[in-house]
Full PDB file with SEQRES, HELIX, SHEET, SSBOND, CRYST1, ORIGX, SCALE, CONECT and MASTER records, all heavy atoms in Angstrom:
SEQRES   1 A   37  ASN ASP PHE LYS LEU VAL ILE ASN LYS ILE THR TYR ASP          
SEQRES   2 A   37  VAL GLN CYS PRO LYS LYS GLU LYS LEU SER SER GLU HIS          
SEQRES   3 A   37  ALA THR GLU MET GLU ASN MET LYS SER LEU VAL                  
HELIX    1 AA1 SER A   24  LEU A   36  1                                  13    
SHEET    1 AA1 2 PHE A   3  ILE A   7  0                                        
SHEET    2 AA1 2 ILE A  10  VAL A  14 -1                                        
CRYST1    1.000    1.000    1.000  90.00  90.00  90.00 P 1           1          
ORIGX1      1.000000  0.000000  0.000000        0.00000                         
ORIGX2      0.000000  1.000000  0.000000        0.00000                         
ORIGX3      0.000000  0.000000  1.000000        0.00000                         
SCALE1      1.000000  0.000000  0.000000        0.00000                         
SCALE2      0.000000  1.000000  0.000000        0.00000                         
SCALE3      0.000000  0.000000  1.000000        0.00000                         
ATOM      1  N   ASN A   1     -10.707   2.616  -5.710  1.00  0.00           N  
ATOM      2  CA  ASN A   1     -10.482   1.646  -4.676  1.00  0.00           C  
ATOM      3  C   ASN A   1     -10.104   0.293  -5.307  1.00  0.00           C  
ATOM      4  O   ASN A   1     -10.407   0.093  -6.557  1.00  0.00           O  
ATOM      5  CB  ASN A   1     -11.632   1.458  -3.796  1.00  0.00           C  
ATOM      6  CG  ASN A   1     -12.042   2.580  -3.221  1.00  0.00           C  
ATOM      7  OD1 ASN A   1     -11.305   3.239  -2.312  1.00  0.00           O  
ATOM      8  ND2 ASN A   1     -13.363   3.074  -3.359  1.00  0.00           N  
ATOM      9  N   ASP A   2      -9.466  -0.644  -4.691  1.00  0.00           N  
ATOM     10  CA  ASP A   2      -9.101  -1.944  -5.155  1.00  0.00           C  
ATOM     11  C   ASP A   2     -10.451  -2.725  -5.403  1.00  0.00           C  
ATOM     12  O   ASP A   2     -11.382  -2.473  -4.790  1.00  0.00           O  
ATOM     13  CB  ASP A   2      -8.301  -2.772  -4.096  1.00  0.00           C  
ATOM     14  CG  ASP A   2      -6.969  -2.109  -3.865  1.00  0.00           C  
ATOM     15  OD1 ASP A   2      -6.546  -1.304  -4.601  1.00  0.00           O  
ATOM     16  OD2 ASP A   2      -6.411  -2.447  -2.765  1.00  0.00           O  
ATOM     17  N   PHE A   3     -10.384  -3.686  -6.372  1.00  0.00           N  
ATOM     18  CA  PHE A   3     -11.433  -4.383  -6.815  1.00  0.00           C  
ATOM     19  C   PHE A   3     -11.083  -5.729  -7.274  1.00  0.00           C  
ATOM     20  O   PHE A   3      -9.873  -6.116  -7.340  1.00  0.00           O  
ATOM     21  CB  PHE A   3     -12.254  -3.659  -7.942  1.00  0.00           C  
ATOM     22  CG  PHE A   3     -11.531  -3.417  -9.124  1.00  0.00           C  
ATOM     23  CD1 PHE A   3     -11.626  -4.379 -10.192  1.00  0.00           C  
ATOM     24  CD2 PHE A   3     -10.669  -2.374  -9.265  1.00  0.00           C  
ATOM     25  CE1 PHE A   3     -10.786  -4.192 -11.382  1.00  0.00           C  
ATOM     26  CE2 PHE A   3     -10.039  -1.997 -10.518  1.00  0.00           C  
ATOM     27  CZ  PHE A   3     -10.076  -3.036 -11.573  1.00  0.00           C  
ATOM     28  N   LYS A   4     -12.090  -6.633  -7.511  1.00  0.00           N  
ATOM     29  CA  LYS A   4     -11.813  -7.903  -8.021  1.00  0.00           C  
ATOM     30  C   LYS A   4     -12.445  -8.174  -9.470  1.00  0.00           C  
ATOM     31  O   LYS A   4     -13.564  -7.717  -9.659  1.00  0.00           O  
ATOM     32  CB  LYS A   4     -12.398  -9.081  -7.151  1.00  0.00           C  
ATOM     33  CG  LYS A   4     -11.775  -9.031  -5.657  1.00  0.00           C  
ATOM     34  CD  LYS A   4     -12.418 -10.101  -4.857  1.00  0.00           C  
ATOM     35  CE  LYS A   4     -11.812 -10.109  -3.469  1.00  0.00           C  
ATOM     36  NZ  LYS A   4     -12.417 -11.150  -2.549  1.00  0.00           N  
ATOM     37  N   LEU A   5     -11.658  -8.611 -10.333  1.00  0.00           N  
ATOM     38  CA  LEU A   5     -12.070  -8.899 -11.723  1.00  0.00           C  
ATOM     39  C   LEU A   5     -12.252 -10.430 -11.913  1.00  0.00           C  
ATOM     40  O   LEU A   5     -11.170 -11.172 -11.705  1.00  0.00           O  
ATOM     41  CB  LEU A   5     -11.159  -8.381 -12.727  1.00  0.00           C  
ATOM     42  CG  LEU A   5     -11.405  -8.552 -14.286  1.00  0.00           C  
ATOM     43  CD1 LEU A   5     -12.830  -7.960 -14.581  1.00  0.00           C  
ATOM     44  CD2 LEU A   5     -10.368  -8.009 -15.029  1.00  0.00           C  
ATOM     45  N   VAL A   6     -13.489 -10.931 -12.249  1.00  0.00           N  
ATOM     46  CA  VAL A   6     -13.725 -12.300 -12.338  1.00  0.00           C  
ATOM     47  C   VAL A   6     -13.933 -12.544 -13.840  1.00  0.00           C  
ATOM     48  O   VAL A   6     -14.735 -12.074 -14.471  1.00  0.00           O  
ATOM     49  CB  VAL A   6     -14.937 -12.689 -11.689  1.00  0.00           C  
ATOM     50  CG1 VAL A   6     -15.255 -14.186 -11.894  1.00  0.00           C  
ATOM     51  CG2 VAL A   6     -14.843 -12.500 -10.189  1.00  0.00           C  
ATOM     52  N   ILE A   7     -12.930 -13.471 -14.413  1.00  0.00           N  
ATOM     53  CA  ILE A   7     -12.905 -13.830 -15.864  1.00  0.00           C  
ATOM     54  C   ILE A   7     -13.061 -15.242 -15.975  1.00  0.00           C  
ATOM     55  O   ILE A   7     -12.157 -16.019 -15.468  1.00  0.00           O  
ATOM     56  CB  ILE A   7     -11.678 -13.362 -16.565  1.00  0.00           C  
ATOM     57  CG1 ILE A   7     -11.597 -11.752 -16.558  1.00  0.00           C  
ATOM     58  CG2 ILE A   7     -11.749 -13.763 -18.067  1.00  0.00           C  
ATOM     59  CD1 ILE A   7     -10.352 -11.245 -17.219  1.00  0.00           C  
ATOM     60  N   ASN A   8     -14.148 -15.844 -16.543  1.00  0.00           N  
ATOM     61  CA  ASN A   8     -14.337 -17.257 -16.672  1.00  0.00           C  
ATOM     62  C   ASN A   8     -14.198 -17.964 -15.331  1.00  0.00           C  
ATOM     63  O   ASN A   8     -13.462 -18.937 -15.204  1.00  0.00           O  
ATOM     64  CB  ASN A   8     -13.351 -17.823 -17.729  1.00  0.00           C  
ATOM     65  CG  ASN A   8     -13.623 -17.397 -19.076  1.00  0.00           C  
ATOM     66  OD1 ASN A   8     -14.707 -16.852 -19.387  1.00  0.00           O  
ATOM     67  ND2 ASN A   8     -12.638 -17.567 -19.985  1.00  0.00           N  
ATOM     68  N   LYS A   9     -14.949 -17.355 -14.428  1.00  0.00           N  
ATOM     69  CA  LYS A   9     -14.888 -17.952 -12.962  1.00  0.00           C  
ATOM     70  C   LYS A   9     -13.535 -17.932 -12.241  1.00  0.00           C  
ATOM     71  O   LYS A   9     -13.400 -18.647 -11.243  1.00  0.00           O  
ATOM     72  CB  LYS A   9     -15.511 -19.344 -12.896  1.00  0.00           C  
ATOM     73  CG  LYS A   9     -16.866 -19.351 -13.438  1.00  0.00           C  
ATOM     74  CD  LYS A   9     -17.420 -20.789 -13.407  1.00  0.00           C  
ATOM     75  CE  LYS A   9     -18.818 -20.903 -13.844  1.00  0.00           C  
ATOM     76  NZ  LYS A   9     -19.507 -22.236 -13.957  1.00  0.00           N  
ATOM     77  N   ILE A  10     -12.531 -17.205 -12.872  1.00  0.00           N  
ATOM     78  CA  ILE A  10     -11.259 -17.008 -12.071  1.00  0.00           C  
ATOM     79  C   ILE A  10     -11.187 -15.572 -11.567  1.00  0.00           C  
ATOM     80  O   ILE A  10     -11.419 -14.658 -12.289  1.00  0.00           O  
ATOM     81  CB  ILE A  10     -10.063 -17.437 -13.106  1.00  0.00           C  
ATOM     82  CG1 ILE A  10     -10.179 -18.811 -13.603  1.00  0.00           C  
ATOM     83  CG2 ILE A  10      -8.876 -17.092 -12.271  1.00  0.00           C  
ATOM     84  CD1 ILE A  10      -9.085 -19.098 -14.673  1.00  0.00           C  
ATOM     85  N   THR A  11     -10.938 -15.528 -10.351  1.00  0.00           N  
ATOM     86  CA  THR A  11     -10.931 -14.176  -9.599  1.00  0.00           C  
ATOM     87  C   THR A  11      -9.536 -13.646  -9.568  1.00  0.00           C  
ATOM     88  O   THR A  11      -8.462 -14.328  -9.253  1.00  0.00           O  
ATOM     89  CB  THR A  11     -11.503 -14.273  -8.120  1.00  0.00           C  
ATOM     90  OG1 THR A  11     -12.716 -14.867  -8.294  1.00  0.00           O  
ATOM     91  CG2 THR A  11     -11.465 -12.900  -7.474  1.00  0.00           C  
ATOM     92  N   TYR A  12      -9.334 -12.389 -10.005  1.00  0.00           N  
ATOM     93  CA  TYR A  12      -8.056 -11.599  -9.894  1.00  0.00           C  
ATOM     94  C   TYR A  12      -8.258 -10.431  -9.082  1.00  0.00           C  
ATOM     95  O   TYR A  12      -9.213  -9.686  -9.139  1.00  0.00           O  
ATOM     96  CB  TYR A  12      -7.664 -11.114 -11.260  1.00  0.00           C  
ATOM     97  CG  TYR A  12      -7.480 -12.232 -12.360  1.00  0.00           C  
ATOM     98  CD1 TYR A  12      -8.641 -12.611 -13.125  1.00  0.00           C  
ATOM     99  CD2 TYR A  12      -6.285 -12.901 -12.560  1.00  0.00           C  
ATOM    100  CE1 TYR A  12      -8.513 -13.599 -14.111  1.00  0.00           C  
ATOM    101  CE2 TYR A  12      -6.099 -13.914 -13.498  1.00  0.00           C  
ATOM    102  CZ  TYR A  12      -7.218 -14.251 -14.226  1.00  0.00           C  
ATOM    103  OH  TYR A  12      -7.067 -15.238 -15.202  1.00  0.00           O  
ATOM    104  N   ASP A  13      -7.342 -10.298  -8.046  1.00  0.00           N  
ATOM    105  CA  ASP A  13      -7.359  -9.133  -7.194  1.00  0.00           C  
ATOM    106  C   ASP A  13      -6.635  -8.073  -7.818  1.00  0.00           C  
ATOM    107  O   ASP A  13      -5.397  -8.177  -8.360  1.00  0.00           O  
ATOM    108  CB  ASP A  13      -6.758  -9.509  -5.834  1.00  0.00           C  
ATOM    109  CG  ASP A  13      -7.512 -10.502  -5.033  1.00  0.00           C  
ATOM    110  OD1 ASP A  13      -8.668 -10.365  -5.047  1.00  0.00           O  
ATOM    111  OD2 ASP A  13      -6.842 -11.385  -4.458  1.00  0.00           O  
ATOM    112  N   VAL A  14      -7.219  -6.947  -7.977  1.00  0.00           N  
ATOM    113  CA  VAL A  14      -6.625  -5.719  -8.729  1.00  0.00           C  
ATOM    114  C   VAL A  14      -6.429  -4.605  -7.701  1.00  0.00           C  
ATOM    115  O   VAL A  14      -7.368  -4.274  -6.980  1.00  0.00           O  
ATOM    116  CB  VAL A  14      -7.521  -5.210  -9.778  1.00  0.00           C  
ATOM    117  CG1 VAL A  14      -6.916  -4.060 -10.597  1.00  0.00           C  
ATOM    118  CG2 VAL A  14      -7.866  -6.325 -10.845  1.00  0.00           C  
ATOM    119  N   GLN A  15      -5.159  -4.206  -7.590  1.00  0.00           N  
ATOM    120  CA  GLN A  15      -4.864  -3.058  -6.691  1.00  0.00           C  
ATOM    121  C   GLN A  15      -4.648  -1.900  -7.556  1.00  0.00           C  
ATOM    122  O   GLN A  15      -3.817  -1.847  -8.512  1.00  0.00           O  
ATOM    123  CB  GLN A  15      -3.556  -3.469  -5.870  1.00  0.00           C  
ATOM    124  CG  GLN A  15      -3.681  -4.554  -4.920  1.00  0.00           C  
ATOM    125  CD  GLN A  15      -2.440  -4.849  -4.206  1.00  0.00           C  
ATOM    126  OE1 GLN A  15      -1.396  -4.346  -4.493  1.00  0.00           O  
ATOM    127  NE2 GLN A  15      -2.483  -5.703  -3.122  1.00  0.00           N  
ATOM    128  N   CYS A  16      -5.368  -0.803  -7.112  1.00  0.00           N  
ATOM    129  CA  CYS A  16      -5.222   0.439  -7.855  1.00  0.00           C  
ATOM    130  C   CYS A  16      -4.356   1.417  -7.159  1.00  0.00           C  
ATOM    131  O   CYS A  16      -4.387   1.672  -5.928  1.00  0.00           O  
ATOM    132  CB  CYS A  16      -6.685   1.147  -8.019  1.00  0.00           C  
ATOM    133  SG  CYS A  16      -7.874   0.061  -8.806  1.00  0.00           S  
ATOM    134  N   PRO A  17      -3.399   2.034  -7.813  1.00  0.00           N  
ATOM    135  CA  PRO A  17      -2.498   3.079  -7.254  1.00  0.00           C  
ATOM    136  C   PRO A  17      -3.338   4.258  -6.733  1.00  0.00           C  
ATOM    137  O   PRO A  17      -4.273   4.646  -7.433  1.00  0.00           O  
ATOM    138  CB  PRO A  17      -1.611   3.380  -8.338  1.00  0.00           C  
ATOM    139  CG  PRO A  17      -2.284   3.030  -9.606  1.00  0.00           C  
ATOM    140  CD  PRO A  17      -3.077   1.919  -9.322  1.00  0.00           C  
ATOM    141  N   LYS A  18      -2.914   4.717  -5.582  1.00  0.00           N  
ATOM    142  CA  LYS A  18      -3.565   5.935  -5.135  1.00  0.00           C  
ATOM    143  C   LYS A  18      -3.124   7.174  -5.754  1.00  0.00           C  
ATOM    144  O   LYS A  18      -1.887   7.431  -5.863  1.00  0.00           O  
ATOM    145  CB  LYS A  18      -3.298   6.026  -3.508  1.00  0.00           C  
ATOM    146  CG  LYS A  18      -3.771   4.869  -2.843  1.00  0.00           C  
ATOM    147  CD  LYS A  18      -5.239   4.549  -2.903  1.00  0.00           C  
ATOM    148  CE  LYS A  18      -5.725   3.361  -2.099  1.00  0.00           C  
ATOM    149  NZ  LYS A  18      -7.069   3.024  -2.287  1.00  0.00           N  
ATOM    150  N   LYS A  19      -4.083   7.864  -6.287  1.00  0.00           N  
ATOM    151  CA  LYS A  19      -3.717   9.244  -6.937  1.00  0.00           C  
ATOM    152  C   LYS A  19      -3.605  10.346  -5.886  1.00  0.00           C  
ATOM    153  O   LYS A  19      -4.202  10.335  -4.825  1.00  0.00           O  
ATOM    154  CB  LYS A  19      -4.864   9.583  -7.963  1.00  0.00           C  
ATOM    155  CG  LYS A  19      -5.038   8.549  -8.970  1.00  0.00           C  
ATOM    156  CD  LYS A  19      -6.214   8.969  -9.998  1.00  0.00           C  
ATOM    157  CE  LYS A  19      -5.904  10.335 -10.599  1.00  0.00           C  
ATOM    158  NZ  LYS A  19      -6.978  10.697 -11.557  1.00  0.00           N  
ATOM    159  N   GLU A  20      -2.668  11.103  -6.115  1.00  0.00           N  
ATOM    160  CA  GLU A  20      -2.481  12.331  -5.274  1.00  0.00           C  
ATOM    161  C   GLU A  20      -3.581  13.234  -5.267  1.00  0.00           C  
ATOM    162  O   GLU A  20      -4.163  13.531  -6.330  1.00  0.00           O  
ATOM    163  CB  GLU A  20      -1.278  13.012  -5.597  1.00  0.00           C  
ATOM    164  CG  GLU A  20       0.079  12.263  -5.527  1.00  0.00           C  
ATOM    165  CD  GLU A  20       1.279  13.025  -5.887  1.00  0.00           C  
ATOM    166  OE1 GLU A  20       1.104  14.231  -6.236  1.00  0.00           O  
ATOM    167  OE2 GLU A  20       2.445  12.609  -5.832  1.00  0.00           O  
ATOM    168  N   LYS A  21      -4.073  13.695  -4.094  1.00  0.00           N  
ATOM    169  CA  LYS A  21      -5.247  14.622  -3.974  1.00  0.00           C  
ATOM    170  C   LYS A  21      -4.800  15.980  -4.524  1.00  0.00           C  
ATOM    171  O   LYS A  21      -3.736  16.437  -4.243  1.00  0.00           O  
ATOM    172  CB  LYS A  21      -5.558  14.683  -2.496  1.00  0.00           C  
ATOM    173  CG  LYS A  21      -6.287  13.490  -1.922  1.00  0.00           C  
ATOM    174  CD  LYS A  21      -6.759  13.659  -0.553  1.00  0.00           C  
ATOM    175  CE  LYS A  21      -7.443  12.436  -0.037  1.00  0.00           C  
ATOM    176  NZ  LYS A  21      -7.914  12.583   1.353  1.00  0.00           N  
ATOM    177  N   LEU A  22      -5.625  16.470  -5.380  1.00  0.00           N  
ATOM    178  CA  LEU A  22      -5.436  17.717  -5.982  1.00  0.00           C  
ATOM    179  C   LEU A  22      -5.718  18.868  -4.921  1.00  0.00           C  
ATOM    180  O   LEU A  22      -6.628  18.677  -4.117  1.00  0.00           O  
ATOM    181  CB  LEU A  22      -6.278  17.941  -7.201  1.00  0.00           C  
ATOM    182  CG  LEU A  22      -6.135  17.003  -8.333  1.00  0.00           C  
ATOM    183  CD1 LEU A  22      -7.147  17.206  -9.418  1.00  0.00           C  
ATOM    184  CD2 LEU A  22      -4.593  16.931  -8.798  1.00  0.00           C  
ATOM    185  N   SER A  23      -4.982  19.894  -5.032  1.00  0.00           N  
ATOM    186  CA  SER A  23      -5.251  21.067  -4.291  1.00  0.00           C  
ATOM    187  C   SER A  23      -6.661  21.629  -4.725  1.00  0.00           C  
ATOM    188  O   SER A  23      -7.098  21.355  -5.774  1.00  0.00           O  
ATOM    189  CB  SER A  23      -4.159  22.083  -4.441  1.00  0.00           C  
ATOM    190  OG  SER A  23      -4.103  22.645  -5.682  1.00  0.00           O  
ATOM    191  N   SER A  24      -7.226  22.466  -3.848  1.00  0.00           N  
ATOM    192  CA  SER A  24      -8.491  23.062  -4.043  1.00  0.00           C  
ATOM    193  C   SER A  24      -8.406  23.930  -5.356  1.00  0.00           C  
ATOM    194  O   SER A  24      -9.383  23.891  -6.107  1.00  0.00           O  
ATOM    195  CB  SER A  24      -8.990  23.808  -2.914  1.00  0.00           C  
ATOM    196  OG  SER A  24      -8.033  24.940  -2.571  1.00  0.00           O  
ATOM    197  N   GLU A  25      -7.419  24.557  -5.519  1.00  0.00           N  
ATOM    198  CA  GLU A  25      -7.190  25.470  -6.591  1.00  0.00           C  
ATOM    199  C   GLU A  25      -7.032  24.671  -7.984  1.00  0.00           C  
ATOM    200  O   GLU A  25      -7.776  24.947  -8.907  1.00  0.00           O  
ATOM    201  CB  GLU A  25      -5.976  26.404  -6.574  1.00  0.00           C  
ATOM    202  CG  GLU A  25      -5.718  27.373  -7.631  1.00  0.00           C  
ATOM    203  CD  GLU A  25      -4.609  28.237  -7.568  1.00  0.00           C  
ATOM    204  OE1 GLU A  25      -3.916  28.176  -6.390  1.00  0.00           O  
ATOM    205  OE2 GLU A  25      -4.269  28.997  -8.427  1.00  0.00           O  
ATOM    206  N   HIS A  26      -6.309  23.588  -7.877  1.00  0.00           N  
ATOM    207  CA  HIS A  26      -6.145  22.774  -9.084  1.00  0.00           C  
ATOM    208  C   HIS A  26      -7.392  21.940  -9.440  1.00  0.00           C  
ATOM    209  O   HIS A  26      -7.842  21.812 -10.521  1.00  0.00           O  
ATOM    210  CB  HIS A  26      -5.017  21.688  -8.836  1.00  0.00           C  
ATOM    211  CG  HIS A  26      -4.590  20.947 -10.003  1.00  0.00           C  
ATOM    212  ND1 HIS A  26      -3.652  19.953 -10.042  1.00  0.00           N  
ATOM    213  CD2 HIS A  26      -4.930  21.084 -11.317  1.00  0.00           C  
ATOM    214  CE1 HIS A  26      -3.535  19.490 -11.220  1.00  0.00           C  
ATOM    215  NE2 HIS A  26      -4.202  20.192 -12.080  1.00  0.00           N  
ATOM    216  N   ALA A  27      -8.129  21.518  -8.294  1.00  0.00           N  
ATOM    217  CA  ALA A  27      -9.450  20.952  -8.583  1.00  0.00           C  
ATOM    218  C   ALA A  27     -10.471  21.838  -9.177  1.00  0.00           C  
ATOM    219  O   ALA A  27     -11.254  21.529 -10.059  1.00  0.00           O  
ATOM    220  CB  ALA A  27      -9.980  20.463  -7.208  1.00  0.00           C  
ATOM    221  N   THR A  28     -10.492  23.068  -8.771  1.00  0.00           N  
ATOM    222  CA  THR A  28     -11.393  24.133  -9.412  1.00  0.00           C  
ATOM    223  C   THR A  28     -11.135  24.302 -10.811  1.00  0.00           C  
ATOM    224  O   THR A  28     -11.863  24.329 -11.721  1.00  0.00           O  
ATOM    225  CB  THR A  28     -11.208  25.392  -8.629  1.00  0.00           C  
ATOM    226  OG1 THR A  28     -11.454  25.043  -7.267  1.00  0.00           O  
ATOM    227  CG2 THR A  28     -12.235  26.468  -9.316  1.00  0.00           C  
ATOM    228  N   GLU A  29      -9.719  24.297 -11.199  1.00  0.00           N  
ATOM    229  CA  GLU A  29      -9.331  24.465 -12.584  1.00  0.00           C  
ATOM    230  C   GLU A  29      -9.628  23.263 -13.449  1.00  0.00           C  
ATOM    231  O   GLU A  29     -10.125  23.433 -14.547  1.00  0.00           O  
ATOM    232  CB  GLU A  29      -7.836  24.629 -12.653  1.00  0.00           C  
ATOM    233  CG  GLU A  29      -7.345  25.974 -12.135  1.00  0.00           C  
ATOM    234  CD  GLU A  29      -5.802  26.143 -12.188  1.00  0.00           C  
ATOM    235  OE1 GLU A  29      -5.197  25.037 -12.533  1.00  0.00           O  
ATOM    236  OE2 GLU A  29      -5.197  27.155 -11.755  1.00  0.00           O  
ATOM    237  N   MET A  30      -9.600  22.030 -12.776  1.00  0.00           N  
ATOM    238  CA  MET A  30     -10.066  20.821 -13.566  1.00  0.00           C  
ATOM    239  C   MET A  30     -11.519  20.818 -13.829  1.00  0.00           C  
ATOM    240  O   MET A  30     -11.971  20.527 -14.911  1.00  0.00           O  
ATOM    241  CB  MET A  30      -9.673  19.553 -12.745  1.00  0.00           C  
ATOM    242  CG  MET A  30      -8.188  19.303 -12.695  1.00  0.00           C  
ATOM    243  SD  MET A  30      -7.602  18.938 -14.395  1.00  0.00           S  
ATOM    244  CE  MET A  30      -8.442  17.298 -14.604  1.00  0.00           C  
ATOM    245  N   GLU A  31     -12.308  21.312 -12.846  1.00  0.00           N  
ATOM    246  CA  GLU A  31     -13.826  21.369 -12.979  1.00  0.00           C  
ATOM    247  C   GLU A  31     -14.189  22.380 -14.063  1.00  0.00           C  
ATOM    248  O   GLU A  31     -15.095  22.202 -14.906  1.00  0.00           O  
ATOM    249  CB  GLU A  31     -14.522  21.676 -11.736  1.00  0.00           C  
ATOM    250  CG  GLU A  31     -14.375  20.645 -10.582  1.00  0.00           C  
ATOM    251  CD  GLU A  31     -15.247  19.356 -11.169  1.00  0.00           C  
ATOM    252  OE1 GLU A  31     -16.173  19.605 -11.780  1.00  0.00           O  
ATOM    253  OE2 GLU A  31     -14.724  18.145 -10.708  1.00  0.00           O  
ATOM    254  N   ASN A  32     -13.428  23.533 -14.117  1.00  0.00           N  
ATOM    255  CA  ASN A  32     -13.806  24.487 -15.091  1.00  0.00           C  
ATOM    256  C   ASN A  32     -13.348  24.009 -16.457  1.00  0.00           C  
ATOM    257  O   ASN A  32     -14.035  24.202 -17.500  1.00  0.00           O  
ATOM    258  CB  ASN A  32     -12.837  25.813 -14.774  1.00  0.00           C  
ATOM    259  CG  ASN A  32     -13.326  26.505 -13.500  1.00  0.00           C  
ATOM    260  OD1 ASN A  32     -14.461  26.338 -13.172  1.00  0.00           O  
ATOM    261  ND2 ASN A  32     -12.602  27.283 -13.000  1.00  0.00           N  
ATOM    262  N   MET A  33     -12.234  23.335 -16.549  1.00  0.00           N  
ATOM    263  CA  MET A  33     -11.821  22.666 -17.829  1.00  0.00           C  
ATOM    264  C   MET A  33     -12.910  21.649 -18.406  1.00  0.00           C  
ATOM    265  O   MET A  33     -13.198  21.547 -19.539  1.00  0.00           O  
ATOM    266  CB  MET A  33     -10.524  21.969 -17.607  1.00  0.00           C  
ATOM    267  CG  MET A  33      -9.957  21.397 -18.847  1.00  0.00           C  
ATOM    268  SD  MET A  33      -9.505  22.667 -20.238  1.00  0.00           S  
ATOM    269  CE  MET A  33      -8.187  23.485 -19.467  1.00  0.00           C  
ATOM    270  N   LYS A  34     -13.359  20.834 -17.462  1.00  0.00           N  
ATOM    271  CA  LYS A  34     -14.445  19.871 -17.777  1.00  0.00           C  
ATOM    272  C   LYS A  34     -15.663  20.604 -18.292  1.00  0.00           C  
ATOM    273  O   LYS A  34     -16.217  20.087 -19.275  1.00  0.00           O  
ATOM    274  CB  LYS A  34     -14.799  18.950 -16.575  1.00  0.00           C  
ATOM    275  CG  LYS A  34     -13.722  17.978 -16.129  1.00  0.00           C  
ATOM    276  CD  LYS A  34     -14.061  17.182 -15.038  1.00  0.00           C  
ATOM    277  CE  LYS A  34     -13.098  16.265 -14.363  1.00  0.00           C  
ATOM    278  NZ  LYS A  34     -13.469  15.598 -13.223  1.00  0.00           N  
ATOM    279  N   SER A  35     -16.120  21.595 -17.632  1.00  0.00           N  
ATOM    280  CA  SER A  35     -17.262  22.455 -18.109  1.00  0.00           C  
ATOM    281  C   SER A  35     -16.907  22.995 -19.463  1.00  0.00           C  
ATOM    282  O   SER A  35     -17.881  22.998 -20.197  1.00  0.00           O  
ATOM    283  CB  SER A  35     -17.566  23.497 -16.983  1.00  0.00           C  
ATOM    284  OG  SER A  35     -18.663  24.232 -17.353  1.00  0.00           O  
ATOM    285  N   LEU A  36     -15.795  23.519 -19.671  1.00  0.00           N  
ATOM    286  CA  LEU A  36     -15.476  24.156 -20.949  1.00  0.00           C  
ATOM    287  C   LEU A  36     -15.500  23.096 -22.058  1.00  0.00           C  
ATOM    288  O   LEU A  36     -16.018  23.307 -23.123  1.00  0.00           O  
ATOM    289  CB  LEU A  36     -14.110  24.782 -20.966  1.00  0.00           C  
ATOM    290  CG  LEU A  36     -13.666  25.391 -22.266  1.00  0.00           C  
ATOM    291  CD1 LEU A  36     -14.518  26.415 -22.703  1.00  0.00           C  
ATOM    292  CD2 LEU A  36     -12.203  25.964 -22.149  1.00  0.00           C  
ATOM    293  N   VAL A  37     -14.977  21.936 -21.798  1.00  0.00           N  
ATOM    294  CA  VAL A  37     -15.025  20.827 -22.737  1.00  0.00           C  
ATOM    295  C   VAL A  37     -16.455  20.397 -23.188  1.00  0.00           C  
ATOM    296  O   VAL A  37     -16.837  20.083 -24.243  1.00  0.00           O  
ATOM    297  CB  VAL A  37     -14.118  19.597 -22.293  1.00  0.00           C  
ATOM    298  CG1 VAL A  37     -14.318  18.345 -23.238  1.00  0.00           C  
ATOM    299  CG2 VAL A  37     -12.653  20.064 -22.301  1.00  0.00           C  
TER     300      VAL A  37                                                      
MASTER        0    0    0    1    2    0    0    6  299    1    0    3          
END                                                                             
């Protein structure tokens, strides 16, 4: 999500790009890869 970064009392609004949602099959593969690593 978007957030605010405060550096030396100066506030910066940070906008995060939205990542595309992975399909259930791709998400399962990613979880398996994380577990293997």
